[in-house]
PDB file of all heavy atoms in Angstrom:
ATOM      1  N   HIS A   1     -17.799  18.611   7.909  1.00  0.00           N
ATOM      2  CA  HIS A   1     -17.927  18.187   9.297  1.00  0.00           C
ATOM      3  C   HIS A   1     -16.737  17.294   9.650  1.00  0.00           C
ATOM      4  O   HIS A   1     -15.938  16.918   8.772  1.00  0.00           O
ATOM      5  CB  HIS A   1     -19.246  17.438   9.502  1.00  0.00           C
ATOM      6  CG  HIS A   1     -19.493  16.351   8.498  1.00  0.00           C
ATOM      7  ND1 HIS A   1     -18.778  15.163   8.474  1.00  0.00           N
ATOM      8  CD2 HIS A   1     -20.364  16.273   7.459  1.00  0.00           C
ATOM      9  CE1 HIS A   1     -19.205  14.408   7.494  1.00  0.00           C
ATOM     10  NE2 HIS A   1     -20.166  15.056   6.849  1.00  0.00           N
ATOM     11  N   PRO A   2     -16.576  16.917  10.924  1.00  0.00           N
ATOM     12  CA  PRO A   2     -15.487  15.999  11.294  1.00  0.00           C
ATOM     13  C   PRO A   2     -15.646  14.657  10.578  1.00  0.00           C
ATOM     14  O   PRO A   2     -16.744  14.295  10.153  1.00  0.00           O
ATOM     15  CB  PRO A   2     -15.658  15.842  12.809  1.00  0.00           C
ATOM     16  CG  PRO A   2     -16.421  17.057  13.232  1.00  0.00           C
ATOM     17  CD  PRO A   2     -17.333  17.390  12.096  1.00  0.00           C
ATOM     18  N   PRO A   3     -14.571  13.906  10.438  1.00  0.00           N
ATOM     19  CA  PRO A   3     -14.679  12.609   9.761  1.00  0.00           C
ATOM     20  C   PRO A   3     -15.580  11.647  10.521  1.00  0.00           C
ATOM     21  O   PRO A   3     -15.536  11.583  11.757  1.00  0.00           O
ATOM     22  CB  PRO A   3     -13.229  12.105   9.723  1.00  0.00           C
ATOM     23  CG  PRO A   3     -12.517  12.877  10.787  1.00  0.00           C
ATOM     24  CD  PRO A   3     -13.184  14.207  10.861  1.00  0.00           C
ATOM     25  N   VAL A   4     -16.403  10.909   9.803  1.00  0.00           N
ATOM     26  CA  VAL A   4     -17.300   9.918  10.395  1.00  0.00           C
ATOM     27  C   VAL A   4     -17.087   8.588   9.675  1.00  0.00           C
ATOM     28  O   VAL A   4     -16.857   8.552   8.469  1.00  0.00           O
ATOM     29  CB  VAL A   4     -18.772  10.357  10.295  1.00  0.00           C
ATOM     30  CG1 VAL A   4     -19.016  11.588  11.151  1.00  0.00           C
ATOM     31  CG2 VAL A   4     -19.163  10.662   8.847  1.00  0.00           C
ATOM     32  N   TYR A   5     -17.148   7.494  10.437  1.00  0.00           N
ATOM     33  CA  TYR A   5     -16.887   6.180   9.870  1.00  0.00           C
ATOM     34  C   TYR A   5     -18.068   5.225  10.011  1.00  0.00           C
ATOM     35  O   TYR A   5     -18.098   4.187   9.357  1.00  0.00           O
ATOM     36  CB  TYR A   5     -15.657   5.564  10.545  1.00  0.00           C
ATOM     37  CG  TYR A   5     -14.386   6.334  10.254  1.00  0.00           C
ATOM     38  CD1 TYR A   5     -13.956   7.351  11.108  1.00  0.00           C
ATOM     39  CD2 TYR A   5     -13.639   6.061   9.115  1.00  0.00           C
ATOM     40  CE1 TYR A   5     -12.807   8.068  10.838  1.00  0.00           C
ATOM     41  CE2 TYR A   5     -12.478   6.775   8.836  1.00  0.00           C
ATOM     42  CZ  TYR A   5     -12.069   7.780   9.704  1.00  0.00           C
ATOM     43  OH  TYR A   5     -10.936   8.496   9.414  1.00  0.00           O
ATOM     44  N   THR A   6     -19.025   5.568  10.844  1.00  0.00           N
ATOM     45  CA  THR A   6     -20.207   4.725  11.029  1.00  0.00           C
ATOM     46  C   THR A   6     -21.447   5.605  11.022  1.00  0.00           C
ATOM     47  O   THR A   6     -21.372   6.836  11.166  1.00  0.00           O
ATOM     48  CB  THR A   6     -20.133   3.955  12.360  1.00  0.00           C
ATOM     49  OG1 THR A   6     -20.160   4.900  13.451  1.00  0.00           O
ATOM     50  CG2 THR A   6     -18.859   3.124  12.444  1.00  0.00           C
ATOM     51  N   THR A   7     -22.612   4.960  10.865  1.00  0.00           N
ATOM     52  CA  THR A   7     -23.859   5.724  10.909  1.00  0.00           C
ATOM     53  C   THR A   7     -24.076   6.331  12.290  1.00  0.00           C
ATOM     54  O   THR A   7     -24.670   7.404  12.419  1.00  0.00           O
ATOM     55  CB  THR A   7     -25.034   4.802  10.547  1.00  0.00           C
ATOM     56  OG1 THR A   7     -24.992   3.628  11.376  1.00  0.00           O
ATOM     57  CG2 THR A   7     -24.967   4.381   9.084  1.00  0.00           C
ATOM     58  N   GLU A   8     -23.564   5.645  13.327  1.00  0.00           N
ATOM     59  CA  GLU A   8     -23.703   6.194  14.681  1.00  0.00           C
ATOM     60  C   GLU A   8     -22.885   7.477  14.831  1.00  0.00           C
ATOM     61  O   GLU A   8     -23.350   8.465  15.428  1.00  0.00           O
ATOM     62  CB  GLU A   8     -23.263   5.160  15.721  1.00  0.00           C
ATOM     63  CG  GLU A   8     -24.191   3.960  15.855  1.00  0.00           C
ATOM     64  CD  GLU A   8     -24.026   2.969  14.710  1.00  0.00           C
ATOM     65  OE1 GLU A   8     -23.032   3.081  13.957  1.00  0.00           O
ATOM     66  OE2 GLU A   8     -24.896   2.090  14.573  1.00  0.00           O
ATOM     67  N   GLU A   9     -21.662   7.480  14.302  1.00  0.00           N
ATOM     68  CA  GLU A   9     -20.846   8.696  14.357  1.00  0.00           C
ATOM     69  C   GLU A   9     -21.467   9.807  13.523  1.00  0.00           C
ATOM     70  O   GLU A   9     -21.415  10.980  13.911  1.00  0.00           O
ATOM     71  CB  GLU A   9     -19.438   8.390  13.856  1.00  0.00           C
ATOM     72  CG  GLU A   9     -18.595   7.574  14.800  1.00  0.00           C
ATOM     73  CD  GLU A   9     -17.177   7.397  14.308  1.00  0.00           C
ATOM     74  OE1 GLU A   9     -16.898   7.728  13.141  1.00  0.00           O
ATOM     75  OE2 GLU A   9     -16.334   6.932  15.091  1.00  0.00           O
ATOM     76  N   ALA A  10     -22.035   9.451  12.383  1.00  0.00           N
ATOM     77  CA  ALA A  10     -22.675  10.462  11.550  1.00  0.00           C
ATOM     78  C   ALA A  10     -23.839  11.114  12.286  1.00  0.00           C
ATOM     79  O   ALA A  10     -24.037  12.341  12.223  1.00  0.00           O
ATOM     80  CB  ALA A  10     -23.159   9.833  10.245  1.00  0.00           C
ATOM     81  N   ALA A  11     -24.619  10.322  13.009  1.00  0.00           N
ATOM     82  CA  ALA A  11     -25.752  10.874  13.752  1.00  0.00           C
ATOM     83  C   ALA A  11     -25.279  11.815  14.854  1.00  0.00           C
ATOM     84  O   ALA A  11     -25.969  12.784  15.206  1.00  0.00           O
ATOM     85  CB  ALA A  11     -26.580   9.738  14.345  1.00  0.00           C
ATOM     86  N   ARG A  12     -24.072  11.571  15.375  1.00  0.00           N
ATOM     87  CA  ARG A  12     -23.566  12.380  16.476  1.00  0.00           C
ATOM     88  C   ARG A  12     -22.779  13.605  16.013  1.00  0.00           C
ATOM     89  O   ARG A  12     -22.842  14.664  16.645  1.00  0.00           O
ATOM     90  CB  ARG A  12     -22.690  11.501  17.380  1.00  0.00           C
ATOM     91  CG  ARG A  12     -22.094  12.197  18.580  1.00  0.00           C
ATOM     92  CD  ARG A  12     -21.523  11.185  19.559  1.00  0.00           C
ATOM     93  NE  ARG A  12     -20.675  10.201  18.904  1.00  0.00           N
ATOM     94  CZ  ARG A  12     -19.369  10.362  18.700  1.00  0.00           C
ATOM     95  NH1 ARG A  12     -18.779  11.482  19.124  1.00  0.00           N
ATOM     96  NH2 ARG A  12     -18.654   9.442  18.115  1.00  0.00           N
ATOM     97  N   LEU A  13     -22.036  13.485  14.913  1.00  0.00           N
ATOM     98  CA  LEU A  13     -21.109  14.540  14.505  1.00  0.00           C
ATOM     99  C   LEU A  13     -21.601  15.401  13.351  1.00  0.00           C
ATOM    100  O   LEU A  13     -21.134  16.528  13.186  1.00  0.00           O
ATOM    101  CB  LEU A  13     -19.759  13.919  14.118  1.00  0.00           C
ATOM    102  CG  LEU A  13     -19.030  13.166  15.243  1.00  0.00           C
ATOM    103  CD1 LEU A  13     -17.772  12.499  14.715  1.00  0.00           C
ATOM    104  CD2 LEU A  13     -18.687  14.120  16.381  1.00  0.00           C
ATOM    105  N   VAL A  14     -22.521  14.887  12.559  1.00  0.00           N
ATOM    106  CA  VAL A  14     -23.029  15.673  11.429  1.00  0.00           C
ATOM    107  C   VAL A  14     -24.227  16.489  11.899  1.00  0.00           C
ATOM    108  O   VAL A  14     -25.145  15.941  12.522  1.00  0.00           O
ATOM    109  CB  VAL A  14     -23.426  14.748  10.262  1.00  0.00           C
ATOM    110  CG1 VAL A  14     -23.992  15.569   9.109  1.00  0.00           C
ATOM    111  CG2 VAL A  14     -22.224  13.935   9.799  1.00  0.00           C
ATOM    112  N   PRO A  15     -24.247  17.778  11.626  1.00  0.00           N
ATOM    113  CA  PRO A  15     -25.388  18.592  12.070  1.00  0.00           C
ATOM    114  C   PRO A  15     -26.679  18.171  11.372  1.00  0.00           C
ATOM    115  O   PRO A  15     -26.656  17.479  10.349  1.00  0.00           O
ATOM    116  CB  PRO A  15     -24.974  20.015  11.662  1.00  0.00           C
ATOM    117  CG  PRO A  15     -23.973  19.828  10.568  1.00  0.00           C
ATOM    118  CD  PRO A  15     -23.240  18.568  10.888  1.00  0.00           C
ATOM    119  N   ALA A  16     -27.785  18.577  11.944  1.00  0.00           N
ATOM    120  CA  ALA A  16     -29.087  18.259  11.354  1.00  0.00           C
ATOM    121  C   ALA A  16     -29.190  18.882   9.971  1.00  0.00           C
ATOM    122  O   ALA A  16     -28.985  20.093   9.807  1.00  0.00           O
ATOM    123  CB  ALA A  16     -30.205  18.754  12.259  1.00  0.00           C
ATOM    124  N   LEU A  17     -29.493  18.069   8.982  1.00  0.00           N
ATOM    125  CA  LEU A  17     -29.558  18.524   7.594  1.00  0.00           C
ATOM    126  C   LEU A  17     -30.856  18.073   6.950  1.00  0.00           C
ATOM    127  O   LEU A  17     -31.423  17.040   7.350  1.00  0.00           O
ATOM    128  CB  LEU A  17     -28.376  17.946   6.788  1.00  0.00           C
ATOM    129  CG  LEU A  17     -26.963  18.275   7.263  1.00  0.00           C
ATOM    130  CD1 LEU A  17     -25.942  17.493   6.451  1.00  0.00           C
ATOM    131  CD2 LEU A  17     -26.705  19.770   7.142  1.00  0.00           C
ATOM    132  N   PRO A  18     -31.335  18.792   5.966  1.00  0.00           N
ATOM    133  CA  PRO A  18     -32.522  18.327   5.243  1.00  0.00           C
ATOM    134  C   PRO A  18     -32.171  17.116   4.384  1.00  0.00           C
ATOM    135  O   PRO A  18     -31.006  16.888   4.038  1.00  0.00           O
ATOM    136  CB  PRO A  18     -32.901  19.532   4.382  1.00  0.00           C
ATOM    137  CG  PRO A  18     -31.622  20.289   4.195  1.00  0.00           C
ATOM    138  CD  PRO A  18     -30.847  20.098   5.467  1.00  0.00           C
ATOM    139  N   GLY A  19     -33.166  16.339   4.066  1.00  0.00           N
ATOM    140  CA  GLY A  19     -32.941  15.183   3.204  1.00  0.00           C
ATOM    141  C   GLY A  19     -32.864  13.881   3.981  1.00  0.00           C
ATOM    142  O   GLY A  19     -32.592  13.861   5.186  1.00  0.00           O
ATOM    143  N   ALA A  20     -33.104  12.795   3.269  1.00  0.00           N
ATOM    144  CA  ALA A  20     -33.103  11.468   3.877  1.00  0.00           C
ATOM    145  C   ALA A  20     -31.676  10.975   4.091  1.00  0.00           C
ATOM    146  O   ALA A  20     -30.813  11.162   3.236  1.00  0.00           O
ATOM    147  CB  ALA A  20     -33.874  10.488   2.989  1.00  0.00           C
ATOM    148  N   LYS A  21     -31.448  10.346   5.243  1.00  0.00           N
ATOM    149  CA  LYS A  21     -30.156   9.732   5.512  1.00  0.00           C
ATOM    150  C   LYS A  21     -30.148   8.312   4.944  1.00  0.00           C
ATOM    151  O   LYS A  21     -31.167   7.627   4.944  1.00  0.00           O
ATOM    152  CB  LYS A  21     -29.881   9.686   7.011  1.00  0.00           C
ATOM    153  CG  LYS A  21     -29.750  11.055   7.669  1.00  0.00           C
ATOM    154  CD  LYS A  21     -29.443  10.903   9.147  1.00  0.00           C
ATOM    155  CE  LYS A  21     -29.296  12.244   9.826  1.00  0.00           C
ATOM    156  NZ  LYS A  21     -28.996  12.098  11.281  1.00  0.00           N
ATOM    157  N   ALA A  22     -28.981   7.885   4.489  1.00  0.00           N
ATOM    158  CA  ALA A  22     -28.884   6.567   3.863  1.00  0.00           C
ATOM    159  C   ALA A  22     -27.686   5.813   4.423  1.00  0.00           C
ATOM    160  O   ALA A  22     -26.736   6.405   4.933  1.00  0.00           O
ATOM    161  CB  ALA A  22     -28.751   6.701   2.345  1.00  0.00           C
ATOM    162  N   LYS A  23     -27.756   4.499   4.318  1.00  0.00           N
ATOM    163  CA  LYS A  23     -26.582   3.663   4.576  1.00  0.00           C
ATOM    164  C   LYS A  23     -26.343   2.816   3.331  1.00  0.00           C
ATOM    165  O   LYS A  23     -27.276   2.477   2.597  1.00  0.00           O
ATOM    166  CB  LYS A  23     -26.770   2.803   5.823  1.00  0.00           C
ATOM    167  CG  LYS A  23     -27.954   1.853   5.807  1.00  0.00           C
ATOM    168  CD  LYS A  23     -28.048   1.139   7.148  1.00  0.00           C
ATOM    169  CE  LYS A  23     -29.271   0.248   7.228  1.00  0.00           C
ATOM    170  NZ  LYS A  23     -29.392  -0.407   8.568  1.00  0.00           N
ATOM    171  N   ASN A  24     -25.084   2.502   3.105  1.00  0.00           N
ATOM    172  CA  ASN A  24     -24.681   1.874   1.855  1.00  0.00           C
ATOM    173  C   ASN A  24     -24.054   0.512   2.128  1.00  0.00           C
ATOM    174  O   ASN A  24     -23.160   0.389   2.978  1.00  0.00           O
ATOM    175  CB  ASN A  24     -23.673   2.762   1.123  1.00  0.00           C
ATOM    176  CG  ASN A  24     -24.209   4.159   0.883  1.00  0.00           C
ATOM    177  OD1 ASN A  24     -24.819   4.438  -0.126  1.00  0.00           O
ATOM    178  ND2 ASN A  24     -23.967   5.062   1.832  1.00  0.00           N
ATOM    179  N   LEU A  25     -24.496  -0.484   1.400  1.00  0.00           N
ATOM    180  CA  LEU A  25     -23.980  -1.844   1.530  1.00  0.00           C
ATOM    181  C   LEU A  25     -23.268  -2.210   0.234  1.00  0.00           C
ATOM    182  O   LEU A  25     -23.878  -2.200  -0.843  1.00  0.00           O
ATOM    183  CB  LEU A  25     -25.114  -2.831   1.804  1.00  0.00           C
ATOM    184  CG  LEU A  25     -26.052  -2.483   2.973  1.00  0.00           C
ATOM    185  CD1 LEU A  25     -27.190  -3.489   3.052  1.00  0.00           C
ATOM    186  CD2 LEU A  25     -25.284  -2.442   4.283  1.00  0.00           C
ATOM    187  N   PHE A  26     -21.991  -2.527   0.342  1.00  0.00           N
ATOM    188  CA  PHE A  26     -21.202  -2.924  -0.821  1.00  0.00           C
ATOM    189  C   PHE A  26     -21.099  -4.444  -0.818  1.00  0.00           C
ATOM    190  O   PHE A  26     -20.405  -5.028   0.016  1.00  0.00           O
ATOM    191  CB  PHE A  26     -19.821  -2.275  -0.769  1.00  0.00           C
ATOM    192  CG  PHE A  26     -18.955  -2.581  -1.962  1.00  0.00           C
ATOM    193  CD1 PHE A  26     -19.358  -2.237  -3.239  1.00  0.00           C
ATOM    194  CD2 PHE A  26     -17.722  -3.201  -1.789  1.00  0.00           C
ATOM    195  CE1 PHE A  26     -18.550  -2.514  -4.334  1.00  0.00           C
ATOM    196  CE2 PHE A  26     -16.913  -3.483  -2.879  1.00  0.00           C
ATOM    197  CZ  PHE A  26     -17.327  -3.141  -4.156  1.00  0.00           C
ATOM    198  N   LEU A  27     -21.814  -5.068  -1.743  1.00  0.00           N
ATOM    199  CA  LEU A  27     -21.914  -6.521  -1.778  1.00  0.00           C
ATOM    200  C   LEU A  27     -21.285  -7.089  -3.046  1.00  0.00           C
ATOM    201  O   LEU A  27     -21.120  -6.379  -4.047  1.00  0.00           O
ATOM    202  CB  LEU A  27     -23.383  -6.965  -1.710  1.00  0.00           C
ATOM    203  CG  LEU A  27     -24.209  -6.429  -0.537  1.00  0.00           C
ATOM    204  CD1 LEU A  27     -25.660  -6.868  -0.680  1.00  0.00           C
ATOM    205  CD2 LEU A  27     -23.632  -6.894   0.788  1.00  0.00           C
ATOM    206  N   ARG A  28     -20.971  -8.367  -2.995  1.00  0.00           N
ATOM    207  CA  ARG A  28     -20.430  -9.075  -4.156  1.00  0.00           C
ATOM    208  C   ARG A  28     -20.858 -10.533  -4.095  1.00  0.00           C
ATOM    209  O   ARG A  28     -21.296 -11.028  -3.041  1.00  0.00           O
ATOM    210  CB  ARG A  28     -18.911  -9.007  -4.183  1.00  0.00           C
ATOM    211  CG  ARG A  28     -18.255  -9.306  -2.876  1.00  0.00           C
ATOM    212  CD  ARG A  28     -16.791  -9.588  -2.989  1.00  0.00           C
ATOM    213  NE  ARG A  28     -16.552 -11.005  -3.280  1.00  0.00           N
ATOM    214  CZ  ARG A  28     -15.355 -11.567  -3.302  1.00  0.00           C
ATOM    215  NH1 ARG A  28     -14.278 -10.851  -3.081  1.00  0.00           N
ATOM    216  NH2 ARG A  28     -15.207 -12.841  -3.555  1.00  0.00           N
ATOM    217  N   ASP A  29     -20.758 -11.216  -5.238  1.00  0.00           N
ATOM    218  CA  ASP A  29     -21.044 -12.642  -5.224  1.00  0.00           C
ATOM    219  C   ASP A  29     -19.855 -13.396  -4.642  1.00  0.00           C
ATOM    220  O   ASP A  29     -18.805 -12.809  -4.364  1.00  0.00           O
ATOM    221  CB  ASP A  29     -21.415 -13.146  -6.619  1.00  0.00           C
ATOM    222  CG  ASP A  29     -20.248 -13.051  -7.597  1.00  0.00           C
ATOM    223  OD1 ASP A  29     -19.184 -12.532  -7.221  1.00  0.00           O
ATOM    224  OD2 ASP A  29     -20.408 -13.491  -8.752  1.00  0.00           O
ATOM    225  N   ALA A  30     -20.002 -14.700  -4.491  1.00  0.00           N
ATOM    226  CA  ALA A  30     -18.963 -15.484  -3.832  1.00  0.00           C
ATOM    227  C   ALA A  30     -17.662 -15.504  -4.612  1.00  0.00           C
ATOM    228  O   ALA A  30     -16.583 -15.676  -4.031  1.00  0.00           O
ATOM    229  CB  ALA A  30     -19.461 -16.915  -3.608  1.00  0.00           C
ATOM    230  N   HIS A  31     -17.742 -15.323  -5.931  1.00  0.00           N
ATOM    231  CA  HIS A  31     -16.546 -15.387  -6.770  1.00  0.00           C
ATOM    232  C   HIS A  31     -15.963 -14.005  -7.084  1.00  0.00           C
ATOM    233  O   HIS A  31     -14.934 -13.914  -7.749  1.00  0.00           O
ATOM    234  CB  HIS A  31     -16.868 -16.111  -8.079  1.00  0.00           C
ATOM    235  CG  HIS A  31     -17.391 -17.504  -7.883  1.00  0.00           C
ATOM    236  ND1 HIS A  31     -16.603 -18.546  -7.465  1.00  0.00           N
ATOM    237  CD2 HIS A  31     -18.648 -18.013  -8.014  1.00  0.00           C
ATOM    238  CE1 HIS A  31     -17.336 -19.655  -7.367  1.00  0.00           C
ATOM    239  NE2 HIS A  31     -18.584 -19.359  -7.686  1.00  0.00           N
ATOM    240  N   GLY A  32     -16.602 -12.947  -6.622  1.00  0.00           N
ATOM    241  CA  GLY A  32     -16.097 -11.599  -6.882  1.00  0.00           C
ATOM    242  C   GLY A  32     -16.270 -11.148  -8.314  1.00  0.00           C
ATOM    243  O   GLY A  32     -15.569 -10.245  -8.776  1.00  0.00           O
ATOM    244  N   ARG A  33     -17.224 -11.741  -9.037  1.00  0.00           N
ATOM    245  CA  ARG A  33     -17.456 -11.354 -10.440  1.00  0.00           C
ATOM    246  C   ARG A  33     -18.537 -10.286 -10.568  1.00  0.00           C
ATOM    247  O   ARG A  33     -18.579  -9.548 -11.550  1.00  0.00           O
ATOM    248  CB  ARG A  33     -17.861 -12.583 -11.259  1.00  0.00           C
ATOM    249  CG  ARG A  33     -16.793 -13.675 -11.284  1.00  0.00           C
ATOM    250  CD  ARG A  33     -17.186 -14.787 -12.237  1.00  0.00           C
ATOM    251  NE  ARG A  33     -16.224 -15.878 -12.181  1.00  0.00           N
ATOM    252  CZ  ARG A  33     -16.535 -17.142 -11.930  1.00  0.00           C
ATOM    253  NH1 ARG A  33     -17.801 -17.469 -11.724  1.00  0.00           N
ATOM    254  NH2 ARG A  33     -15.598 -18.077 -11.899  1.00  0.00           N
ATOM    255  N   GLN A  34     -19.442 -10.214  -9.595  1.00  0.00           N
ATOM    256  CA  GLN A  34     -20.503  -9.217  -9.597  1.00  0.00           C
ATOM    257  C   GLN A  34     -20.417  -8.394  -8.313  1.00  0.00           C
ATOM    258  O   GLN A  34     -20.201  -8.947  -7.239  1.00  0.00           O
ATOM    259  CB  GLN A  34     -21.880  -9.887  -9.680  1.00  0.00           C
ATOM    260  CG  GLN A  34     -22.106 -10.748 -10.903  1.00  0.00           C
ATOM    261  CD  GLN A  34     -23.502 -11.342 -10.899  1.00  0.00           C
ATOM    262  OE1 GLN A  34     -24.498 -10.654 -11.150  1.00  0.00           O
ATOM    263  NE2 GLN A  34     -23.590 -12.628 -10.586  1.00  0.00           N
ATOM    264  N   HIS A  35     -20.605  -7.082  -8.469  1.00  0.00           N
ATOM    265  CA  HIS A  35     -20.557  -6.180  -7.318  1.00  0.00           C
ATOM    266  C   HIS A  35     -21.806  -5.306  -7.319  1.00  0.00           C
ATOM    267  O   HIS A  35     -22.287  -4.884  -8.387  1.00  0.00           O
ATOM    268  CB  HIS A  35     -19.298  -5.314  -7.366  1.00  0.00           C
ATOM    269  CG  HIS A  35     -18.022  -6.095  -7.237  1.00  0.00           C
ATOM    270  ND1 HIS A  35     -17.444  -6.753  -8.298  1.00  0.00           N
ATOM    271  CD2 HIS A  35     -17.220  -6.332  -6.153  1.00  0.00           C
ATOM    272  CE1 HIS A  35     -16.336  -7.352  -7.883  1.00  0.00           C
ATOM    273  NE2 HIS A  35     -16.178  -7.113  -6.605  1.00  0.00           N
TER     274      HIS A  35
END
């Protein structure tokens, strides 16, 4: 599909597909030692 950068764009540009949609959060601690 066309490139998507946000969940809103994905909802608009990605065709209806089976399966659960997900969003991903990339987190770290304050010192960058754990991700």
